[in-house]
Amino acid sequence: MITSMSPEESDMKICRYCGKKTSVHANFCYYCARELVARPERPMVEEKPGRVNWVAVGVVVLALAGIALVILAR
Protein backbone atom coordinates (compact mmCIF):
# COMPACT_ATOMS: atom_id res chain seq x y z
CA MET A 1 0.00 0.00 0.00
CA ILE A 2 1.53 3.29 -1.13
CA THR A 3 0.39 6.44 0.58
CA SER A 4 1.11 9.90 -0.71
CA MET A 5 2.19 12.63 1.63
CA SER A 6 0.14 15.76 2.04
CA PRO A 7 1.84 19.09 1.29
CA GLU A 8 2.06 19.75 5.02
CA GLU A 9 3.82 16.44 5.65
CA SER A 10 6.27 16.95 2.78
CA ASP A 11 7.49 20.10 4.51
CA MET A 12 8.32 18.14 7.66
CA LYS A 13 11.49 16.46 8.83
CA ILE A 14 12.32 14.27 11.79
CA CYS A 15 14.36 15.81 14.62
CA ARG A 16 17.52 13.75 15.03
CA TYR A 17 17.46 14.30 18.80
CA CYS A 18 13.89 13.61 19.88
CA GLY A 19 12.38 11.96 16.78
CA LYS A 20 9.40 14.35 16.49
CA LYS A 21 8.28 15.87 13.19
CA THR A 22 9.42 19.43 12.67
CA SER A 23 9.20 21.90 9.80
CA VAL A 24 11.90 21.60 7.15
CA HIS A 25 12.53 25.32 7.53
CA ALA A 26 12.93 25.24 11.33
CA ASN A 27 16.32 26.06 12.82
CA PHE A 28 15.37 24.63 16.22
CA CYS A 29 13.13 21.69 17.15
CA TYR A 30 9.78 22.85 18.54
CA TYR A 31 9.71 19.97 21.03
CA CYS A 32 13.25 19.60 22.39
CA ALA A 33 14.63 23.05 21.41
CA ARG A 34 17.80 21.54 19.97
CA GLU A 35 19.49 23.24 17.04
CA LEU A 36 18.65 21.49 13.76
CA VAL A 37 20.99 23.30 11.37
CA ALA A 38 24.72 22.96 11.56
CA ARG A 39 26.55 26.24 11.78
CA PRO A 40 29.92 26.53 10.09
CA GLU A 41 32.84 26.58 12.45
CA ARG A 42 34.51 29.87 13.09
CA PRO A 43 37.75 30.28 11.21
CA MET A 44 40.89 30.28 13.29
CA VAL A 45 42.08 33.80 13.94
CA GLU A 46 45.69 34.12 12.98
CA GLU A 47 47.62 36.50 15.12
CA LYS A 48 49.34 39.08 13.03
CA PRO A 49 52.90 40.02 13.82
CA GLY A 50 52.73 42.59 16.58
CA ARG A 51 52.67 46.19 15.58
CA VAL A 52 54.65 48.54 17.73
CA ASN A 53 52.53 50.97 19.69
CA TRP A 54 54.76 53.98 19.33
CA VAL A 55 52.82 56.05 21.89
CA ALA A 56 53.46 53.42 24.57
CA VAL A 57 57.14 53.19 23.57
CA GLY A 58 57.40 56.98 23.80
CA VAL A 59 55.83 57.05 27.27
CA VAL A 60 58.20 54.34 28.53
CA VAL A 61 61.25 56.11 27.05
CA LEU A 62 60.22 59.43 28.61
CA ALA A 63 59.61 57.76 31.99
CA LEU A 64 63.02 56.09 31.91
CA ALA A 65 64.68 59.35 30.86
CA GLY A 66 62.96 61.15 33.73
CA ILE A 67 64.09 58.51 36.22
CA ALA A 68 67.64 58.74 34.87
CA LEU A 69 67.62 62.55 35.22
CA VAL A 70 66.42 62.31 38.81
CA ILE A 71 69.13 59.80 39.68
CA LEU A 72 71.91 61.80 37.93
CA ALA A 73 70.76 65.12 39.48
CA ARG A 74 71.53 63.85 43.01
PDB file of N, CA and C in Angstrom:
ATOM      1  N   MET A   1       0.842  -1.175   0.000  1.00  0.00           N
ATOM      2  CA  MET A   1       0.000   0.000   0.000  1.00  0.00           C
ATOM      3  C   MET A   1       0.890   1.241   0.000  1.00  0.00           C
ATOM      4  N   ILE A   2       0.743   2.064  -0.996  1.00  0.00           N
ATOM      5  CA  ILE A   2       1.531   3.285  -1.131  1.00  0.00           C
ATOM      6  C   ILE A   2       0.645   4.452  -0.729  1.00  0.00           C
ATOM      7  N   THR A   3       1.140   5.263   0.172  1.00  0.00           N
ATOM      8  CA  THR A   3       0.391   6.439   0.584  1.00  0.00           C
ATOM      9  C   THR A   3       1.158   7.663   0.142  1.00  0.00           C
ATOM     10  N   SER A   4       0.448   8.651  -0.329  1.00  0.00           N
ATOM     11  CA  SER A   4       1.112   9.898  -0.709  1.00  0.00           C
ATOM     12  C   SER A   4       1.080  10.851   0.477  1.00  0.00           C
ATOM     13  N   MET A   5       2.084  11.682   0.515  1.00  0.00           N
ATOM     14  CA  MET A   5       2.189  12.629   1.626  1.00  0.00           C
ATOM     15  C   MET A   5       1.444  13.901   1.273  1.00  0.00           C
ATOM     16  N   SER A   6       0.807  14.485   2.258  1.00  0.00           N
ATOM     17  CA  SER A   6       0.137  15.761   2.038  1.00  0.00           C
ATOM     18  C   SER A   6       1.206  16.851   1.947  1.00  0.00           C
ATOM     19  N   PRO A   7       0.857  17.996   1.391  1.00  0.00           N
ATOM     20  CA  PRO A   7       1.839  19.085   1.287  1.00  0.00           C
ATOM     21  C   PRO A   7       2.410  19.491   2.647  1.00  0.00           C
ATOM     22  N   GLU A   8       1.572  19.403   3.688  1.00  0.00           N
ATOM     23  CA  GLU A   8       2.063  19.753   5.020  1.00  0.00           C
ATOM     24  C   GLU A   8       3.108  18.752   5.496  1.00  0.00           C
ATOM     25  N   GLU A   9       2.898  17.484   5.211  1.00  0.00           N
ATOM     26  CA  GLU A   9       3.822  16.437   5.650  1.00  0.00           C
ATOM     27  C   GLU A   9       5.124  16.466   4.845  1.00  0.00           C
ATOM     28  N   SER A  10       5.055  16.911   3.593  1.00  0.00           N
ATOM     29  CA  SER A  10       6.266  16.947   2.784  1.00  0.00           C
ATOM     30  C   SER A  10       7.198  18.055   3.249  1.00  0.00           C
ATOM     31  N   ASP A  11       6.672  19.023   3.974  1.00  0.00           N
ATOM     32  CA  ASP A  11       7.492  20.104   4.511  1.00  0.00           C
ATOM     33  C   ASP A  11       7.948  19.797   5.939  1.00  0.00           C
ATOM     34  N   MET A  12       7.939  18.535   6.311  1.00  0.00           N
ATOM     35  CA  MET A  12       8.322  18.140   7.661  1.00  0.00           C
ATOM     36  C   MET A  12       9.579  17.282   7.617  1.00  0.00           C
ATOM     37  N   LYS A  13      10.343  17.340   8.676  1.00  0.00           N
ATOM     38  CA  LYS A  13      11.494  16.457   8.827  1.00  0.00           C
ATOM     39  C   LYS A  13      11.499  15.930  10.253  1.00  0.00           C
ATOM     40  N   ILE A  14      12.245  14.891  10.477  1.00  0.00           N
ATOM     41  CA  ILE A  14      12.322  14.273  11.792  1.00  0.00           C
ATOM     42  C   ILE A  14      13.508  14.860  12.543  1.00  0.00           C
ATOM     43  N   CYS A  15      13.275  15.303  13.772  1.00  0.00           N
ATOM     44  CA  CYS A  15      14.355  15.806  14.618  1.00  0.00           C
ATOM     45  C   CYS A  15      15.281  14.650  14.964  1.00  0.00           C
ATOM     46  N   ARG A  16      16.577  14.836  14.761  1.00  0.00           N
ATOM     47  CA  ARG A  16      17.524  13.753  15.029  1.00  0.00           C
ATOM     48  C   ARG A  16      17.770  13.542  16.519  1.00  0.00           C
ATOM     49  N   TYR A  17      17.256  14.422  17.356  1.00  0.00           N
ATOM     50  CA  TYR A  17      17.462  14.303  18.799  1.00  0.00           C
ATOM     51  C   TYR A  17      16.268  13.670  19.516  1.00  0.00           C
ATOM     52  N   CYS A  18      15.058  14.136  19.162  1.00  0.00           N
ATOM     53  CA  CYS A  18      13.892  13.609  19.881  1.00  0.00           C
ATOM     54  C   CYS A  18      12.973  12.761  19.003  1.00  0.00           C
ATOM     55  N   GLY A  19      13.168  12.787  17.682  1.00  0.00           N
ATOM     56  CA  GLY A  19      12.383  11.960  16.783  1.00  0.00           C
ATOM     57  C   GLY A  19      11.024  12.529  16.398  1.00  0.00           C
ATOM     58  N   LYS A  20      10.698  13.730  16.824  1.00  0.00           N
ATOM     59  CA  LYS A  20       9.404  14.345  16.489  1.00  0.00           C
ATOM     60  C   LYS A  20       9.485  15.019  15.125  1.00  0.00           C
ATOM     61  N   LYS A  21       8.333  15.191  14.477  1.00  0.00           N
ATOM     62  CA  LYS A  21       8.282  15.871  13.192  1.00  0.00           C
ATOM     63  C   LYS A  21       8.366  17.375  13.401  1.00  0.00           C
ATOM     64  N   THR A  22       9.185  17.992  12.584  1.00  0.00           N
ATOM     65  CA  THR A  22       9.419  19.426  12.666  1.00  0.00           C
ATOM     66  C   THR A  22       9.437  19.995  11.255  1.00  0.00           C
ATOM     67  N   SER A  23       9.184  21.254  11.114  1.00  0.00           N
ATOM     68  CA  SER A  23       9.200  21.899   9.802  1.00  0.00           C
ATOM     69  C   SER A  23      10.593  21.821   9.183  1.00  0.00           C
ATOM     70  N   VAL A  24      10.621  21.652   7.875  1.00  0.00           N
ATOM     71  CA  VAL A  24      11.895  21.602   7.150  1.00  0.00           C
ATOM     72  C   VAL A  24      12.647  22.913   7.306  1.00  0.00           C
ATOM     73  N   HIS A  25      11.928  23.997   7.467  1.00  0.00           N
ATOM     74  CA  HIS A  25      12.533  25.323   7.534  1.00  0.00           C
ATOM     75  C   HIS A  25      12.939  25.726   8.952  1.00  0.00           C
ATOM     76  N   ALA A  26      12.632  24.902   9.934  1.00  0.00           N
ATOM     77  CA  ALA A  26      12.928  25.242  11.328  1.00  0.00           C
ATOM     78  C   ALA A  26      14.424  25.146  11.608  1.00  0.00           C
ATOM     79  N   ASN A  27      14.923  26.089  12.380  1.00  0.00           N
ATOM     80  CA  ASN A  27      16.316  26.062  12.825  1.00  0.00           C
ATOM     81  C   ASN A  27      16.457  25.318  14.143  1.00  0.00           C
ATOM     82  N   PHE A  28      15.376  25.299  14.930  1.00  0.00           N
ATOM     83  CA  PHE A  28      15.368  24.628  16.221  1.00  0.00           C
ATOM     84  C   PHE A  28      14.145  23.724  16.289  1.00  0.00           C
ATOM     85  N   CYS A  29      14.261  22.610  16.975  1.00  0.00           N
ATOM     86  CA  CYS A  29      13.134  21.694  17.152  1.00  0.00           C
ATOM     87  C   CYS A  29      12.120  22.335  18.106  1.00  0.00           C
ATOM     88  N   TYR A  30      10.857  22.285  17.716  1.00  0.00           N
ATOM     89  CA  TYR A  30       9.783  22.849  18.535  1.00  0.00           C
ATOM     90  C   TYR A  30       9.640  22.094  19.854  1.00  0.00           C
ATOM     91  N   TYR A  31       9.941  20.819  19.862  1.00  0.00           N
ATOM     92  CA  TYR A  31       9.709  19.974  21.032  1.00  0.00           C
ATOM     93  C   TYR A  31      10.888  19.934  22.003  1.00  0.00           C
ATOM     94  N   CYS A  32      12.101  19.738  21.474  1.00  0.00           N
ATOM     95  CA  CYS A  32      13.249  19.603  22.388  1.00  0.00           C
ATOM     96  C   CYS A  32      14.169  20.817  22.371  1.00  0.00           C
ATOM     97  N   ALA A  33      13.890  21.791  21.497  1.00  0.00           N
ATOM     98  CA  ALA A  33      14.625  23.053  21.409  1.00  0.00           C
ATOM     99  C   ALA A  33      16.093  22.882  21.021  1.00  0.00           C
ATOM    100  N   ARG A  34      16.428  21.746  20.440  1.00  0.00           N
ATOM    101  CA  ARG A  34      17.804  21.536  19.974  1.00  0.00           C
ATOM    102  C   ARG A  34      17.980  22.185  18.610  1.00  0.00           C
ATOM    103  N   GLU A  35      19.200  22.603  18.318  1.00  0.00           N
ATOM    104  CA  GLU A  35      19.487  23.237  17.036  1.00  0.00           C
ATOM    105  C   GLU A  35      19.495  22.185  15.931  1.00  0.00           C
ATOM    106  N   LEU A  36      18.787  22.461  14.846  1.00  0.00           N
ATOM    107  CA  LEU A  36      18.651  21.493  13.761  1.00  0.00           C
ATOM    108  C   LEU A  36      19.579  21.767  12.587  1.00  0.00           C
ATOM    109  N   VAL A  37      20.085  22.972  12.481  1.00  0.00           N
ATOM    110  CA  VAL A  37      20.987  23.305  11.371  1.00  0.00           C
ATOM    111  C   VAL A  37      22.396  23.417  11.902  1.00  0.00           C
ATOM    112  N   ALA A  38      23.319  22.894  11.149  1.00  0.00           N
ATOM    113  CA  ALA A  38      24.723  22.961  11.558  1.00  0.00           C
ATOM    114  C   ALA A  38      25.295  24.310  11.142  1.00  0.00           C
ATOM    115  N   ARG A  39      25.903  24.972  12.086  1.00  0.00           N
ATOM    116  CA  ARG A  39      26.553  26.238  11.781  1.00  0.00           C
ATOM    117  C   ARG A  39      27.993  25.961  11.382  1.00  0.00           C
ATOM    118  N   PRO A  40      28.513  26.724  10.445  1.00  0.00           N
ATOM    119  CA  PRO A  40      29.920  26.528  10.089  1.00  0.00           C
ATOM    120  C   PRO A  40      30.813  26.927  11.255  1.00  0.00           C
ATOM    121  N   GLU A  41      31.917  26.245  11.378  1.00  0.00           N
ATOM    122  CA  GLU A  41      32.844  26.580  12.452  1.00  0.00           C
ATOM    123  C   GLU A  41      33.492  27.922  12.179  1.00  0.00           C
ATOM    124  N   ARG A  42      33.828  28.592  13.244  1.00  0.00           N
ATOM    125  CA  ARG A  42      34.506  29.873  13.089  1.00  0.00           C
ATOM    126  C   ARG A  42      35.926  29.634  12.605  1.00  0.00           C
ATOM    127  N   PRO A  43      36.377  30.453  11.678  1.00  0.00           N
ATOM    128  CA  PRO A  43      37.752  30.278  11.214  1.00  0.00           C
ATOM    129  C   PRO A  43      38.739  30.641  12.325  1.00  0.00           C
ATOM    130  N   MET A  44      39.851  29.975  12.307  1.00  0.00           N
ATOM    131  CA  MET A  44      40.888  30.279  13.290  1.00  0.00           C
ATOM    132  C   MET A  44      41.414  31.683  13.019  1.00  0.00           C
ATOM    133  N   VAL A  45      41.562  32.449  14.075  1.00  0.00           N
ATOM    134  CA  VAL A  45      42.082  33.803  13.938  1.00  0.00           C
ATOM    135  C   VAL A  45      43.599  33.726  14.041  1.00  0.00           C
ATOM    136  N   GLU A  46      44.232  34.126  12.959  1.00  0.00           N
ATOM    137  CA  GLU A  46      45.687  34.121  12.976  1.00  0.00           C
ATOM    138  C   GLU A  46      46.170  35.424  13.587  1.00  0.00           C
ATOM    139  N   GLU A  47      47.077  35.293  14.516  1.00  0.00           N
ATOM    140  CA  GLU A  47      47.622  36.496  15.124  1.00  0.00           C
ATOM    141  C   GLU A  47      48.627  37.105  14.171  1.00  0.00           C
ATOM    142  N   LYS A  48      48.445  38.369  13.927  1.00  0.00           N
ATOM    143  CA  LYS A  48      49.343  39.084  13.034  1.00  0.00           C
ATOM    144  C   LYS A  48      50.602  39.445  13.813  1.00  0.00           C
ATOM    145  N   PRO A  49      51.704  39.579  13.111  1.00  0.00           N
ATOM    146  CA  PRO A  49      52.900  40.022  13.818  1.00  0.00           C
ATOM    147  C   PRO A  49      52.596  41.328  14.529  1.00  0.00           C
ATOM    148  N   GLY A  50      53.059  41.423  15.761  1.00  0.00           N
ATOM    149  CA  GLY A  50      52.733  42.586  16.584  1.00  0.00           C
ATOM    150  C   GLY A  50      53.202  43.899  15.985  1.00  0.00           C
ATOM    151  N   ARG A  51      52.316  44.844  16.006  1.00  0.00           N
ATOM    152  CA  ARG A  51      52.670  46.190  15.575  1.00  0.00           C
ATOM    153  C   ARG A  51      53.123  46.955  16.793  1.00  0.00           C
ATOM    154  N   VAL A  52      54.100  47.771  16.619  1.00  0.00           N
ATOM    155  CA  VAL A  52      54.652  48.540  17.726  1.00  0.00           C
ATOM    156  C   VAL A  52      53.721  49.709  18.014  1.00  0.00           C
ATOM    157  N   ASN A  53      53.335  49.839  19.252  1.00  0.00           N
ATOM    158  CA  ASN A  53      52.530  50.970  19.689  1.00  0.00           C
ATOM    159  C   ASN A  53      53.505  52.079  20.076  1.00  0.00           C
ATOM    160  N   TRP A  54      53.726  52.967  19.145  1.00  0.00           N
ATOM    161  CA  TRP A  54      54.764  53.983  19.331  1.00  0.00           C
ATOM    162  C   TRP A  54      54.430  54.947  20.461  1.00  0.00           C
ATOM    163  N   VAL A  55      53.189  55.172  20.763  1.00  0.00           N
ATOM    164  CA  VAL A  55      52.817  56.048  21.886  1.00  0.00           C
ATOM    165  C   VAL A  55      53.277  55.408  23.193  1.00  0.00           C
ATOM    166  N   ALA A  56      53.036  54.110  23.350  1.00  0.00           N
ATOM    167  CA  ALA A  56      53.465  53.422  24.570  1.00  0.00           C
ATOM    168  C   ALA A  56      54.979  53.404  24.675  1.00  0.00           C
ATOM    169  N   VAL A  57      55.669  53.177  23.566  1.00  0.00           N
ATOM    170  CA  VAL A  57      57.139  53.186  23.574  1.00  0.00           C
ATOM    171  C   VAL A  57      57.644  54.564  23.983  1.00  0.00           C
ATOM    172  N   GLY A  58      57.011  55.610  23.458  1.00  0.00           N
ATOM    173  CA  GLY A  58      57.403  56.982  23.802  1.00  0.00           C
ATOM    174  C   GLY A  58      57.208  57.284  25.278  1.00  0.00           C
ATOM    175  N   VAL A  59      56.106  56.823  25.843  1.00  0.00           N
ATOM    176  CA  VAL A  59      55.832  57.055  27.269  1.00  0.00           C
ATOM    177  C   VAL A  59      56.868  56.335  28.120  1.00  0.00           C
ATOM    178  N   VAL A  60      57.206  55.107  27.758  1.00  0.00           N
ATOM    179  CA  VAL A  60      58.201  54.343  28.526  1.00  0.00           C
ATOM    180  C   VAL A  60      59.565  55.015  28.428  1.00  0.00           C
ATOM    181  N   VAL A  61      59.945  55.453  27.231  1.00  0.00           N
ATOM    182  CA  VAL A  61      61.250  56.110  27.052  1.00  0.00           C
ATOM    183  C   VAL A  61      61.305  57.398  27.865  1.00  0.00           C
ATOM    184  N   LEU A  62      60.245  58.194  27.839  1.00  0.00           N
ATOM    185  CA  LEU A  62      60.223  59.435  28.615  1.00  0.00           C
ATOM    186  C   LEU A  62      60.268  59.151  30.116  1.00  0.00           C
ATOM    187  N   ALA A  63      59.576  58.111  30.565  1.00  0.00           N
ATOM    188  CA  ALA A  63      59.607  57.764  31.988  1.00  0.00           C
ATOM    189  C   ALA A  63      61.008  57.337  32.400  1.00  0.00           C
ATOM    190  N   LEU A  64      61.656  56.516  31.587  1.00  0.00           N
ATOM    191  CA  LEU A  64      63.023  56.085  31.910  1.00  0.00           C
ATOM    192  C   LEU A  64      63.992  57.256  31.875  1.00  0.00           C
ATOM    193  N   ALA A  65      63.807  58.167  30.926  1.00  0.00           N
ATOM    194  CA  ALA A  65      64.678  59.351  30.863  1.00  0.00           C
ATOM    195  C   ALA A  65      64.472  60.222  32.095  1.00  0.00           C
ATOM    196  N   GLY A  66      63.234  60.359  32.532  1.00  0.00           N
ATOM    197  CA  GLY A  66      62.956  61.152  33.735  1.00  0.00           C
ATOM    198  C   GLY A  66      63.576  60.521  34.969  1.00  0.00           C
ATOM    199  N   ILE A  67      63.486  59.203  35.091  1.00  0.00           N
ATOM    200  CA  ILE A  67      64.094  58.513  36.222  1.00  0.00           C
ATOM    201  C   ILE A  67      65.618  58.678  36.192  1.00  0.00           C
ATOM    202  N   ALA A  68      66.202  58.563  35.009  1.00  0.00           N
ATOM    203  CA  ALA A  68      67.644  58.735  34.866  1.00  0.00           C
ATOM    204  C   ALA A  68      68.065  60.135  35.250  1.00  0.00           C
ATOM    205  N   LEU A  69      67.307  61.165  34.863  1.00  0.00           N
ATOM    206  CA  LEU A  69      67.624  62.550  35.223  1.00  0.00           C
ATOM    207  C   LEU A  69      67.549  62.761  36.721  1.00  0.00           C
ATOM    208  N   VAL A  70      66.556  62.170  37.358  1.00  0.00           N
ATOM    209  CA  VAL A  70      66.420  62.310  38.808  1.00  0.00           C
ATOM    210  C   VAL A  70      67.605  61.663  39.515  1.00  0.00           C
ATOM    211  N   ILE A  71      68.008  60.493  39.060  1.00  0.00           N
ATOM    212  CA  ILE A  71      69.131  59.795  39.683  1.00  0.00           C
ATOM    213  C   ILE A  71      70.446  60.563  39.460  1.00  0.00           C
ATOM    214  N   LEU A  72      70.665  61.079  38.255  1.00  0.00           N
ATOM    215  CA  LEU A  72      71.910  61.795  37.935  1.00  0.00           C
ATOM    216  C   LEU A  72      71.954  63.184  38.591  1.00  0.00           C
ATOM    217  N   ALA A  73      70.804  63.767  38.885  1.00  0.00           N
ATOM    218  CA  ALA A  73      70.756  65.118  39.483  1.00  0.00           C
ATOM    219  C   ALA A  73      71.150  65.065  40.959  1.00  0.00           C
ATOM    220  N   ARG A  74      71.211  63.923  41.592  1.00  0.00           N
ATOM    221  CA  ARG A  74      71.525  63.855  43.007  1.00  0.00           C
ATOM    222  C   ARG A  74      72.950  64.034  43.236  1.00  0.00           C
TER     223      ARG A  74
END
